Amino acid sequence: MTTYAFKCKDIGMQCGFEVKGASSRDEAMQLAVVHAKTAHNMQTVPQEVANKVSSAIRS
C-alpha cells in the first residue's frame, strides 16, 4: 500500500509539521490544509500555497 507524506519545510516554512502515512494524496492535502489554518492562521489557503503543497506531497 502506498502512503503519502508532506513536510512544511519542503515548501520553505520554518515549521516542523509533517504528514506521514496518509492513504492518498487527497488525505495528505486535507491534513496540510487543516494544519495551515490552525498553526499558520490561514483562514483560506491561497492557490499558490496549495499548488506548492500539492507538488511537495511524496509517496
C-alpha atoms as a PDB file:
ATOM      1  CA  MET A   1       0.000   0.000   0.000  1.00  0.00           C
ATOM      2  CA  THR A   2       1.350   3.388  -0.993  1.00  0.00           C
ATOM      3  CA  THR A   3       1.366   6.107   1.635  1.00  0.00           C
ATOM      4  CA  TYR A   4       1.918   9.829   1.200  1.00  0.00           C
ATOM      5  CA  ALA A   5       3.891  12.399   3.167  1.00  0.00           C
ATOM      6  CA  PHE A   6       4.359  16.168   3.329  1.00  0.00           C
ATOM      7  CA  LYS A   7       6.601  18.491   5.332  1.00  0.00           C
ATOM      8  CA  CYS A   8       6.088  22.230   5.758  1.00  0.00           C
ATOM      9  CA  LYS A   9       9.861  22.625   5.422  1.00  0.00           C
ATOM     10  CA  ASP A  10       9.593  21.306   1.850  1.00  0.00           C
ATOM     11  CA  ILE A  11       7.783  24.496   0.829  1.00  0.00           C
ATOM     12  CA  GLY A  12      10.092  26.843   2.708  1.00  0.00           C
ATOM     13  CA  MET A  13       8.240  27.162   6.009  1.00  0.00           C
ATOM     14  CA  GLN A  14      10.188  27.144   9.257  1.00  0.00           C
ATOM     15  CA  CYS A  15       7.853  24.596  10.772  1.00  0.00           C
ATOM     16  CA  GLY A  16       8.363  21.013  11.901  1.00  0.00           C
ATOM     17  CA  PHE A  17       4.917  19.806  10.792  1.00  0.00           C
ATOM     18  CA  GLU A  18       4.835  16.538   8.844  1.00  0.00           C
ATOM     19  CA  VAL A  19       2.098  14.395   7.375  1.00  0.00           C
ATOM     20  CA  LYS A  20       3.179  10.750   7.425  1.00  0.00           C
ATOM     21  CA  GLY A  21       1.324   7.688   6.276  1.00  0.00           C
ATOM     22  CA  ALA A  22      -1.612   9.376   4.545  1.00  0.00           C
ATOM     23  CA  SER A  23      -3.503   6.836   2.453  1.00  0.00           C
ATOM     24  CA  SER A  24      -3.961   9.204  -0.504  1.00  0.00           C
ATOM     25  CA  ARG A  25      -2.694  12.474  -1.930  1.00  0.00           C
ATOM     26  CA  ASP A  26      -6.092  13.989  -1.093  1.00  0.00           C
ATOM     27  CA  GLU A  27      -5.806  12.930   2.551  1.00  0.00           C
ATOM     28  CA  ALA A  28      -2.296  14.414   2.801  1.00  0.00           C
ATOM     29  CA  MET A  29      -3.577  17.651   1.255  1.00  0.00           C
ATOM     30  CA  GLN A  30      -6.550  17.814   3.636  1.00  0.00           C
ATOM     31  CA  LEU A  31      -4.275  17.333   6.654  1.00  0.00           C
ATOM     32  CA  ALA A  32      -1.911  20.033   5.378  1.00  0.00           C
ATOM     33  CA  VAL A  33      -4.814  22.464   4.852  1.00  0.00           C
ATOM     34  CA  VAL A  34      -6.118  21.888   8.398  1.00  0.00           C
ATOM     35  CA  HIS A  35      -2.596  22.480   9.713  1.00  0.00           C
ATOM     36  CA  ALA A  36      -2.217  25.679   7.657  1.00  0.00           C
ATOM     37  CA  LYS A  37      -5.461  27.038   9.060  1.00  0.00           C
ATOM     38  CA  THR A  38      -4.746  26.175  12.690  1.00  0.00           C
ATOM     39  CA  ALA A  39      -0.973  26.629  13.005  1.00  0.00           C
ATOM     40  CA  HIS A  40      -0.289  29.295  10.386  1.00  0.00           C
ATOM     41  CA  ASN A  41      -3.526  31.283  10.878  1.00  0.00           C
ATOM     42  CA  MET A  42      -4.606  30.987   7.249  1.00  0.00           C
ATOM     43  CA  GLN A  43      -8.370  31.454   7.006  1.00  0.00           C
ATOM     44  CA  THR A  44      -8.120  30.187   3.454  1.00  0.00           C
ATOM     45  CA  VAL A  45      -5.151  28.615   1.737  1.00  0.00           C
ATOM     46  CA  PRO A  46      -4.080  30.677  -1.298  1.00  0.00           C
ATOM     47  CA  GLN A  47      -3.968  28.742  -4.565  1.00  0.00           C
ATOM     48  CA  GLU A  48      -0.214  29.381  -4.842  1.00  0.00           C
ATOM     49  CA  VAL A  49       0.376  27.733  -1.459  1.00  0.00           C
ATOM     50  CA  ALA A  50      -1.971  24.851  -2.299  1.00  0.00           C
ATOM     51  CA  ASN A  51      -0.014  24.268  -5.517  1.00  0.00           C
ATOM     52  CA  LYS A  52       3.282  24.195  -3.589  1.00  0.00           C
ATOM     53  CA  VAL A  53       1.856  21.737  -1.060  1.00  0.00           C
ATOM     54  CA  SER A  54       0.479  19.519  -3.799  1.00  0.00           C
ATOM     55  CA  SER A  55       3.834  19.468  -5.569  1.00  0.00           C
ATOM     56  CA  ALA A  56       5.655  18.637  -2.319  1.00  0.00           C
ATOM     57  CA  ILE A  57       3.500  15.616  -1.395  1.00  0.00           C
ATOM     58  CA  ARG A  58       5.620  12.480  -1.788  1.00  0.00           C
ATOM     59  CA  SER A  59       4.755   8.809  -1.918  1.00  0.00           C
END
